[in-house]
Amino acid sequence: MSQYRNDILLTGIAIVAKQLREKLGLSQEEVVNDIKIKTDISIHIGRIETAVGNISVSNLSLLCEYYNISLSKFMTKVEEAMKKIKRQK
């Protein structure tokens, strides 16, 4: 059984996650290490930022907490990114 994949949504999430990380001047490795130290949970930020796989809601929540942004504000930014993606197609 295959898993549903919304490429435009995942790309929007990837764009916003990368923007937030870069705004803080952090590398992917720094984010992964910080989250691992604080929560003992490993995430693969590279896969998230390249929209390679589906992100779980729990990992999305963890990233939002790390970046100090609410899920709703994050998703508002994702919706804006998705509009841009759709316009480019």
PDB file of N, CA and C in Angstrom:
ATOM      1  N   MET A   1       0.842  -1.171   0.000  1.00  0.00           N
ATOM      2  CA  MET A   1       0.000   0.000   0.000  1.00  0.00           C
ATOM      3  C   MET A   1       0.890   1.238   0.000  1.00  0.00           C
ATOM      4  N   SER A   2       0.609   2.146  -0.901  1.00  0.00           N
ATOM      5  CA  SER A   2       1.445   3.339  -0.997  1.00  0.00           C
ATOM      6  C   SER A   2       0.889   4.460  -0.126  1.00  0.00           C
ATOM      7  N   GLN A   3       1.755   5.365   0.213  1.00  0.00           N
ATOM      8  CA  GLN A   3       1.415   6.483   1.076  1.00  0.00           C
ATOM      9  C   GLN A   3       1.068   7.694   0.210  1.00  0.00           C
ATOM     10  N   TYR A   4       0.023   8.426   0.586  1.00  0.00           N
ATOM     11  CA  TYR A   4      -0.351   9.639  -0.146  1.00  0.00           C
ATOM     12  C   TYR A   4       0.769  10.666  -0.024  1.00  0.00           C
ATOM     13  N   ARG A   5       1.021  11.362  -1.119  1.00  0.00           N
ATOM     14  CA  ARG A   5       2.095  12.356  -1.152  1.00  0.00           C
ATOM     15  C   ARG A   5       1.601  13.591  -1.883  1.00  0.00           C
ATOM     16  N   ASN A   6       1.603  14.714  -1.203  1.00  0.00           N
ATOM     17  CA  ASN A   6       1.219  15.990  -1.795  1.00  0.00           C
ATOM     18  C   ASN A   6       2.507  16.781  -2.021  1.00  0.00           C
ATOM     19  N   ASP A   7       3.019  16.722  -3.238  1.00  0.00           N
ATOM     20  CA  ASP A   7       4.319  17.325  -3.538  1.00  0.00           C
ATOM     21  C   ASP A   7       4.338  18.836  -3.330  1.00  0.00           C
ATOM     22  N   ILE A   8       3.258  19.505  -3.670  1.00  0.00           N
ATOM     23  CA  ILE A   8       3.228  20.963  -3.501  1.00  0.00           C
ATOM     24  C   ILE A   8       3.260  21.322  -2.020  1.00  0.00           C
ATOM     25  N   LEU A   9       2.504  20.608  -1.198  1.00  0.00           N
ATOM     26  CA  LEU A   9       2.512  20.850   0.245  1.00  0.00           C
ATOM     27  C   LEU A   9       3.890  20.569   0.834  1.00  0.00           C
ATOM     28  N   LEU A  10       4.473  19.443   0.471  1.00  0.00           N
ATOM     29  CA  LEU A  10       5.788  19.087   1.005  1.00  0.00           C
ATOM     30  C   LEU A  10       6.855  20.089   0.575  1.00  0.00           C
ATOM     31  N   THR A  11       6.743  20.578  -0.649  1.00  0.00           N
ATOM     32  CA  THR A  11       7.691  21.591  -1.115  1.00  0.00           C
ATOM     33  C   THR A  11       7.507  22.890  -0.348  1.00  0.00           C
ATOM     34  N   GLY A  12       6.256  23.262  -0.069  1.00  0.00           N
ATOM     35  CA  GLY A  12       5.986  24.452   0.740  1.00  0.00           C
ATOM     36  C   GLY A  12       6.575  24.332   2.137  1.00  0.00           C
ATOM     37  N   ILE A  13       6.407  23.172   2.747  1.00  0.00           N
ATOM     38  CA  ILE A  13       6.979  22.924   4.072  1.00  0.00           C
ATOM     39  C   ILE A  13       8.504  23.011   3.997  1.00  0.00           C
ATOM     40  N   ALA A  14       9.077  22.429   2.957  1.00  0.00           N
ATOM     41  CA  ALA A  14      10.533  22.446   2.788  1.00  0.00           C
ATOM     42  C   ALA A  14      11.045  23.882   2.688  1.00  0.00           C
ATOM     43  N   ILE A  15      10.370  24.692   1.894  1.00  0.00           N
ATOM     44  CA  ILE A  15      10.789  26.087   1.701  1.00  0.00           C
ATOM     45  C   ILE A  15      10.753  26.844   3.016  1.00  0.00           C
ATOM     46  N   VAL A  16       9.660  26.725   3.746  1.00  0.00           N
ATOM     47  CA  VAL A  16       9.506  27.469   5.002  1.00  0.00           C
ATOM     48  C   VAL A  16      10.500  26.978   6.049  1.00  0.00           C
ATOM     49  N   ALA A  17      10.673  25.668   6.162  1.00  0.00           N
ATOM     50  CA  ALA A  17      11.625  25.130   7.137  1.00  0.00           C
ATOM     51  C   ALA A  17      13.037  25.641   6.850  1.00  0.00           C
ATOM     52  N   LYS A  18      13.415  25.656   5.588  1.00  0.00           N
ATOM     53  CA  LYS A  18      14.746  26.125   5.213  1.00  0.00           C
ATOM     54  C   LYS A  18      14.890  27.623   5.484  1.00  0.00           C
ATOM     55  N   GLN A  19      13.860  28.401   5.165  1.00  0.00           N
ATOM     56  CA  GLN A  19      13.906  29.848   5.422  1.00  0.00           C
ATOM     57  C   GLN A  19      14.089  30.139   6.904  1.00  0.00           C
ATOM     58  N   LEU A  20      13.355  29.427   7.747  1.00  0.00           N
ATOM     59  CA  LEU A  20      13.459  29.648   9.189  1.00  0.00           C
ATOM     60  C   LEU A  20      14.858  29.309   9.697  1.00  0.00           C
ATOM     61  N   ARG A  21      15.396  28.207   9.212  1.00  0.00           N
ATOM     62  CA  ARG A  21      16.744  27.804   9.628  1.00  0.00           C
ATOM     63  C   ARG A  21      17.779  28.831   9.178  1.00  0.00           C
ATOM     64  N   GLU A  22      17.693  29.230   7.926  1.00  0.00           N
ATOM     65  CA  GLU A  22      18.665  30.187   7.388  1.00  0.00           C
ATOM     66  C   GLU A  22      18.545  31.555   8.053  1.00  0.00           C
ATOM     67  N   LYS A  23      17.329  31.933   8.421  1.00  0.00           N
ATOM     68  CA  LYS A  23      17.120  33.213   9.111  1.00  0.00           C
ATOM     69  C   LYS A  23      17.889  33.248  10.429  1.00  0.00           C
ATOM     70  N   LEU A  24      18.026  32.097  11.059  1.00  0.00           N
ATOM     71  CA  LEU A  24      18.773  32.003  12.317  1.00  0.00           C
ATOM     72  C   LEU A  24      20.269  31.778  12.076  1.00  0.00           C
ATOM     73  N   GLY A  25      20.645  31.619  10.825  1.00  0.00           N
ATOM     74  CA  GLY A  25      22.054  31.413  10.498  1.00  0.00           C
ATOM     75  C   GLY A  25      22.582  30.061  10.940  1.00  0.00           C
ATOM     76  N   LEU A  26      21.710  29.061  10.938  1.00  0.00           N
ATOM     77  CA  LEU A  26      22.103  27.724  11.401  1.00  0.00           C
ATOM     78  C   LEU A  26      22.273  26.763  10.236  1.00  0.00           C
ATOM     79  N   SER A  27      23.160  25.807  10.420  1.00  0.00           N
ATOM     80  CA  SER A  27      23.305  24.733   9.438  1.00  0.00           C
ATOM     81  C   SER A  27      22.292  23.637   9.775  1.00  0.00           C
ATOM     82  N   GLN A  28      22.073  22.756   8.819  1.00  0.00           N
ATOM     83  CA  GLN A  28      21.204  21.613   9.086  1.00  0.00           C
ATOM     84  C   GLN A  28      21.746  20.791  10.245  1.00  0.00           C
ATOM     85  N   GLU A  29      23.036  20.599  10.257  1.00  0.00           N
ATOM     86  CA  GLU A  29      23.678  19.807  11.306  1.00  0.00           C
ATOM     87  C   GLU A  29      23.452  20.431  12.687  1.00  0.00           C
ATOM     88  N   GLU A  30      23.541  21.752  12.770  1.00  0.00           N
ATOM     89  CA  GLU A  30      23.325  22.425  14.057  1.00  0.00           C
ATOM     90  C   GLU A  30      21.898  22.217  14.556  1.00  0.00           C
ATOM     91  N   VAL A  31      20.930  22.302  13.648  1.00  0.00           N
ATOM     92  CA  VAL A  31      19.532  22.101  14.040  1.00  0.00           C
ATOM     93  C   VAL A  31      19.319  20.679  14.527  1.00  0.00           C
ATOM     94  N   VAL A  32      19.807  19.718  13.774  1.00  0.00           N
ATOM     95  CA  VAL A  32      19.662  18.305  14.154  1.00  0.00           C
ATOM     96  C   VAL A  32      20.305  18.047  15.513  1.00  0.00           C
ATOM     97  N   ASN A  33      21.512  18.559  15.709  1.00  0.00           N
ATOM     98  CA  ASN A  33      22.212  18.348  16.984  1.00  0.00           C
ATOM     99  C   ASN A  33      21.499  19.030  18.141  1.00  0.00           C
ATOM    100  N   ASP A  34      21.023  20.261  17.942  1.00  0.00           N
ATOM    101  CA  ASP A  34      20.299  20.974  19.002  1.00  0.00           C
ATOM    102  C   ASP A  34      19.036  20.216  19.409  1.00  0.00           C
ATOM    103  N   ILE A  35      18.289  19.754  18.427  1.00  0.00           N
ATOM    104  CA  ILE A  35      17.057  19.023  18.726  1.00  0.00           C
ATOM    105  C   ILE A  35      17.384  17.713  19.436  1.00  0.00           C
ATOM    106  N   LYS A  36      18.419  17.030  18.980  1.00  0.00           N
ATOM    107  CA  LYS A  36      18.822  15.758  19.605  1.00  0.00           C
ATOM    108  C   LYS A  36      19.223  15.977  21.064  1.00  0.00           C
ATOM    109  N   ILE A  37      19.966  17.042  21.338  1.00  0.00           N
ATOM    110  CA  ILE A  37      20.404  17.341  22.700  1.00  0.00           C
ATOM    111  C   ILE A  37      19.207  17.693  23.590  1.00  0.00           C
ATOM    112  N   LYS A  38      18.296  18.511  23.069  1.00  0.00           N
ATOM    113  CA  LYS A  38      17.173  18.984  23.882  1.00  0.00           C
ATOM    114  C   LYS A  38      16.085  17.939  24.071  1.00  0.00           C
ATOM    115  N   THR A  39      15.874  17.067  23.082  1.00  0.00           N
ATOM    116  CA  THR A  39      14.723  16.170  23.138  1.00  0.00           C
ATOM    117  C   THR A  39      15.072  14.694  23.054  1.00  0.00           C
ATOM    118  N   ASP A  40      16.321  14.378  22.732  1.00  0.00           N
ATOM    119  CA  ASP A  40      16.760  13.003  22.504  1.00  0.00           C
ATOM    120  C   ASP A  40      16.016  12.370  21.320  1.00  0.00           C
ATOM    121  N   ILE A  41      15.595  13.218  20.380  1.00  0.00           N
ATOM    122  CA  ILE A  41      14.897  12.762  19.176  1.00  0.00           C
ATOM    123  C   ILE A  41      15.731  13.168  17.972  1.00  0.00           C
ATOM    124  N   SER A  42      15.888  12.236  17.048  1.00  0.00           N
ATOM    125  CA  SER A  42      16.631  12.516  15.819  1.00  0.00           C
ATOM    126  C   SER A  42      15.650  12.791  14.689  1.00  0.00           C
ATOM    127  N   ILE A  43      15.861  13.901  13.999  1.00  0.00           N
ATOM    128  CA  ILE A  43      15.077  14.179  12.802  1.00  0.00           C
ATOM    129  C   ILE A  43      16.052  14.336  11.642  1.00  0.00           C
ATOM    130  N   HIS A  44      15.554  14.151  10.450  1.00  0.00           N
ATOM    131  CA  HIS A  44      16.398  14.281   9.267  1.00  0.00           C
ATOM    132  C   HIS A  44      15.988  15.550   8.537  1.00  0.00           C
ATOM    133  N   ILE A  45      16.567  16.668   8.943  1.00  0.00           N
ATOM    134  CA  ILE A  45      16.199  17.979   8.410  1.00  0.00           C
ATOM    135  C   ILE A  45      16.468  18.065   6.909  1.00  0.00           C
ATOM    136  N   GLY A  46      17.486  17.381   6.437  1.00  0.00           N
ATOM    137  CA  GLY A  46      17.787  17.396   5.004  1.00  0.00           C
ATOM    138  C   GLY A  46      16.646  16.830   4.178  1.00  0.00           C
ATOM    139  N   ARG A  47      16.039  15.760   4.650  1.00  0.00           N
ATOM    140  CA  ARG A  47      14.893  15.160   3.942  1.00  0.00           C
ATOM    141  C   ARG A  47      13.686  16.084   3.990  1.00  0.00           C
ATOM    142  N   ILE A  48      13.531  16.791   5.101  1.00  0.00           N
ATOM    143  CA  ILE A  48      12.407  17.722   5.221  1.00  0.00           C
ATOM    144  C   ILE A  48      12.602  18.899   4.275  1.00  0.00           C
ATOM    145  N   GLU A  49      13.811  19.457   4.276  1.00  0.00           N
ATOM    146  CA  GLU A  49      14.084  20.651   3.476  1.00  0.00           C
ATOM    147  C   GLU A  49      14.176  20.373   1.977  1.00  0.00           C
ATOM    148  N   THR A  50      14.254  19.130   1.590  1.00  0.00           N
ATOM    149  CA  THR A  50      14.263  18.800   0.161  1.00  0.00           C
ATOM    150  C   THR A  50      12.968  18.103  -0.258  1.00  0.00           C
ATOM    151  N   ALA A  51      12.028  17.991   0.652  1.00  0.00           N
ATOM    152  CA  ALA A  51      10.714  17.392   0.387  1.00  0.00           C
ATOM    153  C   ALA A  51      10.840  15.965  -0.140  1.00  0.00           C
ATOM    154  N   VAL A  52      11.832  15.240   0.353  1.00  0.00           N
ATOM    155  CA  VAL A  52      12.051  13.869  -0.098  1.00  0.00           C
ATOM    156  C   VAL A  52      10.974  12.932   0.443  1.00  0.00           C
ATOM    157  N   GLY A  53      10.594  13.107   1.688  1.00  0.00           N
ATOM    158  CA  GLY A  53       9.606  12.213   2.284  1.00  0.00           C
ATOM    159  C   GLY A  53       8.527  12.988   3.006  1.00  0.00           C
ATOM    160  N   ASN A  54       7.475  12.286   3.362  1.00  0.00           N
ATOM    161  CA  ASN A  54       6.422  12.905   4.158  1.00  0.00           C
ATOM    162  C   ASN A  54       6.956  13.213   5.549  1.00  0.00           C
ATOM    163  N   ILE A  55       6.573  14.357   6.082  1.00  0.00           N
ATOM    164  CA  ILE A  55       6.962  14.722   7.445  1.00  0.00           C
ATOM    165  C   ILE A  55       5.793  14.388   8.367  1.00  0.00           C
ATOM    166  N   SER A  56       6.094  13.833   9.507  1.00  0.00           N
ATOM    167  CA  SER A  56       5.021  13.541  10.463  1.00  0.00           C
ATOM    168  C   SER A  56       4.583  14.838  11.148  1.00  0.00           C
ATOM    169  N   VAL A  57       3.376  14.847  11.607  1.00  0.00           N
ATOM    170  CA  VAL A  57       2.857  16.009  12.329  1.00  0.00           C
ATOM    171  C   VAL A  57       3.673  16.230  13.595  1.00  0.00           C
ATOM    172  N   SER A  58       4.107  15.163  14.217  1.00  0.00           N
ATOM    173  CA  SER A  58       4.909  15.285  15.430  1.00  0.00           C
ATOM    174  C   SER A  58       6.252  15.961  15.146  1.00  0.00           C
ATOM    175  N   ASN A  59       6.905  15.568  14.056  1.00  0.00           N
ATOM    176  CA  ASN A  59       8.174  16.209  13.704  1.00  0.00           C
ATOM    177  C   ASN A  59       7.962  17.656  13.285  1.00  0.00           C
ATOM    178  N   LEU A  60       6.867  17.937  12.600  1.00  0.00           N
ATOM    179  CA  LEU A  60       6.561  19.314  12.231  1.00  0.00           C
ATOM    180  C   LEU A  60       6.357  20.162  13.484  1.00  0.00           C
ATOM    181  N   SER A  61       5.649  19.622  14.449  1.00  0.00           N
ATOM    182  CA  SER A  61       5.435  20.314  15.721  1.00  0.00           C
ATOM    183  C   SER A  61       6.756  20.560  16.441  1.00  0.00           C
ATOM    184  N   LEU A  62       7.629  19.574  16.411  1.00  0.00           N
ATOM    185  CA  LEU A  62       8.948  19.694  17.039  1.00  0.00           C
ATOM    186  C   LEU A  62       9.765  20.803  16.373  1.00  0.00           C
ATOM    187  N   LEU A  63       9.746  20.852  15.049  1.00  0.00           N
ATOM    188  CA  LEU A  63      10.459  21.913  14.333  1.00  0.00           C
ATOM    189  C   LEU A  63       9.894  23.278  14.668  1.00  0.00           C
ATOM    190  N   CYS A  64       8.567  23.385  14.701  1.00  0.00           N
ATOM    191  CA  CYS A  64       7.941  24.664  15.029  1.00  0.00           C
ATOM    192  C   CYS A  64       8.331  25.116  16.429  1.00  0.00           C
ATOM    193  N   GLU A  65       8.340  24.190  17.362  1.00  0.00           N
ATOM    194  CA  GLU A  65       8.754  24.509  18.725  1.00  0.00           C
ATOM    195  C   GLU A  65      10.211  24.983  18.733  1.00  0.00           C
ATOM    196  N   TYR A  66      11.059  24.296  17.993  1.00  0.00           N
ATOM    197  CA  TYR A  66      12.471  24.659  17.924  1.00  0.00           C
ATOM    198  C   TYR A  66      12.641  26.067  17.356  1.00  0.00           C
ATOM    199  N   TYR A  67      11.896  26.376  16.289  1.00  0.00           N
ATOM    200  CA  TYR A  67      11.998  27.687  15.639  1.00  0.00           C
ATOM    201  C   TYR A  67      11.133  28.754  16.306  1.00  0.00           C
ATOM    202  N   ASN A  68      10.446  28.353  17.380  1.00  0.00           N
ATOM    203  CA  ASN A  68       9.607  29.287  18.143  1.00  0.00           C
ATOM    204  C   ASN A  68       8.540  29.949  17.257  1.00  0.00           C
ATOM    205  N   ILE A  69       7.820  29.111  16.519  1.00  0.00           N
ATOM    206  CA  ILE A  69       6.736  29.571  15.671  1.00  0.00           C
ATOM    207  C   ILE A  69       5.556  28.626  15.877  1.00  0.00           C
ATOM    208  N   SER A  70       4.368  29.155  15.904  1.00  0.00           N
ATOM    209  CA  SER A  70       3.189  28.305  16.085  1.00  0.00           C
ATOM    210  C   SER A  70       2.951  27.485  14.817  1.00  0.00           C
ATOM    211  N   LEU A  71       2.303  26.353  14.980  1.00  0.00           N
ATOM    212  CA  LEU A  71       1.940  25.535  13.826  1.00  0.00           C
ATOM    213  C   LEU A  71       1.079  26.328  12.849  1.00  0.00           C
ATOM    214  N   SER A  72       0.157  27.115  13.387  1.00  0.00           N
ATOM    215  CA  SER A  72      -0.737  27.872  12.507  1.00  0.00           C
ATOM    216  C   SER A  72       0.031  28.919  11.693  1.00  0.00           C
ATOM    217  N   LYS A  73       0.972  29.600  12.320  1.00  0.00           N
ATOM    218  CA  LYS A  73       1.765  30.597  11.593  1.00  0.00           C
ATOM    219  C   LYS A  73       2.666  29.904  10.571  1.00  0.00           C
ATOM    220  N   PHE A  74       3.240  28.776  10.954  1.00  0.00           N
ATOM    221  CA  PHE A  74       4.066  28.009  10.018  1.00  0.00           C
ATOM    222  C   PHE A  74       3.242  27.617   8.802  1.00  0.00           C
ATOM    223  N   MET A  75       2.035  27.098   9.037  1.00  0.00           N
ATOM    224  CA  MET A  75       1.204  26.646   7.928  1.00  0.00           C
ATOM    225  C   MET A  75       0.704  27.820   7.080  1.00  0.00           C
ATOM    226  N   THR A  76       0.520  28.980   7.681  1.00  0.00           N
ATOM    227  CA  THR A  76       0.171  30.161   6.894  1.00  0.00           C
ATOM    228  C   THR A  76       1.303  30.482   5.922  1.00  0.00           C
ATOM    229  N   LYS A  77       2.535  30.384   6.402  1.00  0.00           N
ATOM    230  CA  LYS A  77       3.697  30.610   5.535  1.00  0.00           C
ATOM    231  C   LYS A  77       3.778  29.531   4.448  1.00  0.00           C
ATOM    232  N   VAL A  78       3.429  28.309   4.795  1.00  0.00           N
ATOM    233  CA  VAL A  78       3.429  27.215   3.825  1.00  0.00           C
ATOM    234  C   VAL A  78       2.387  27.488   2.738  1.00  0.00           C
ATOM    235  N   GLU A  79       1.210  27.944   3.139  1.00  0.00           N
ATOM    236  CA  GLU A  79       0.166  28.260   2.155  1.00  0.00           C
ATOM    237  C   GLU A  79       0.633  29.345   1.192  1.00  0.00           C
ATOM    238  N   GLU A  80       1.332  30.342   1.698  1.00  0.00           N
ATOM    239  CA  GLU A  80       1.867  31.405   0.837  1.00  0.00           C
ATOM    240  C   GLU A  80       2.888  30.822  -0.141  1.00  0.00           C
ATOM    241  N   ALA A  81       3.749  29.949   0.353  1.00  0.00           N
ATOM    242  CA  ALA A  81       4.749  29.311  -0.514  1.00  0.00           C
ATOM    243  C   ALA A  81       4.065  28.450  -1.573  1.00  0.00           C
ATOM    244  N   MET A  82       3.008  27.741  -1.189  1.00  0.00           N
ATOM    245  CA  MET A  82       2.283  26.889  -2.127  1.00  0.00           C
ATOM    246  C   MET A  82       1.645  27.719  -3.247  1.00  0.00           C
ATOM    247  N   LYS A  83       1.123  28.886  -2.907  1.00  0.00           N
ATOM    248  CA  LYS A  83       0.539  29.772  -3.930  1.00  0.00           C
ATOM    249  C   LYS A  83       1.598  30.166  -4.952  1.00  0.00           C
ATOM    250  N   LYS A  84       2.788  30.492  -4.479  1.00  0.00           N
ATOM    251  CA  LYS A  84       3.877  30.854  -5.386  1.00  0.00           C
ATOM    252  C   LYS A  84       4.261  29.675  -6.277  1.00  0.00           C
ATOM    253  N   ILE A  85       4.323  28.498  -5.696  1.00  0.00           N
ATOM    254  CA  ILE A  85       4.666  27.298  -6.458  1.00  0.00           C
ATOM    255  C   ILE A  85       3.630  27.061  -7.556  1.00  0.00           C
ATOM    256  N   LYS A  86       2.362  27.162  -7.210  1.00  0.00           N
ATOM    257  CA  LYS A  86       1.293  26.934  -8.184  1.00  0.00           C
ATOM    258  C   LYS A  86       1.329  27.965  -9.305  1.00  0.00           C
ATOM    259  N   ARG A  87       1.654  29.211  -8.977  1.00  0.00           N
ATOM    260  CA  ARG A  87       1.736  30.258  -9.993  1.00  0.00           C
ATOM    261  C   ARG A  87       2.870  29.992 -10.975  1.00  0.00           C
ATOM    262  N   GLN A  88       3.942  29.373 -10.486  1.00  0.00           N
ATOM    263  CA  GLN A  88       5.109  29.098 -11.321  1.00  0.00           C
ATOM    264  C   GLN A  88       4.867  27.952 -12.289  1.00  0.00           C
ATOM    265  N   LYS A  89       3.852  27.148 -12.031  1.00  0.00           N
ATOM    266  CA  LYS A  89       3.577  25.974 -12.899  1.00  0.00           C
ATOM    267  C   LYS A  89       2.743  26.352 -14.083  1.00  0.00           C
TER     268      LYS A  89
END
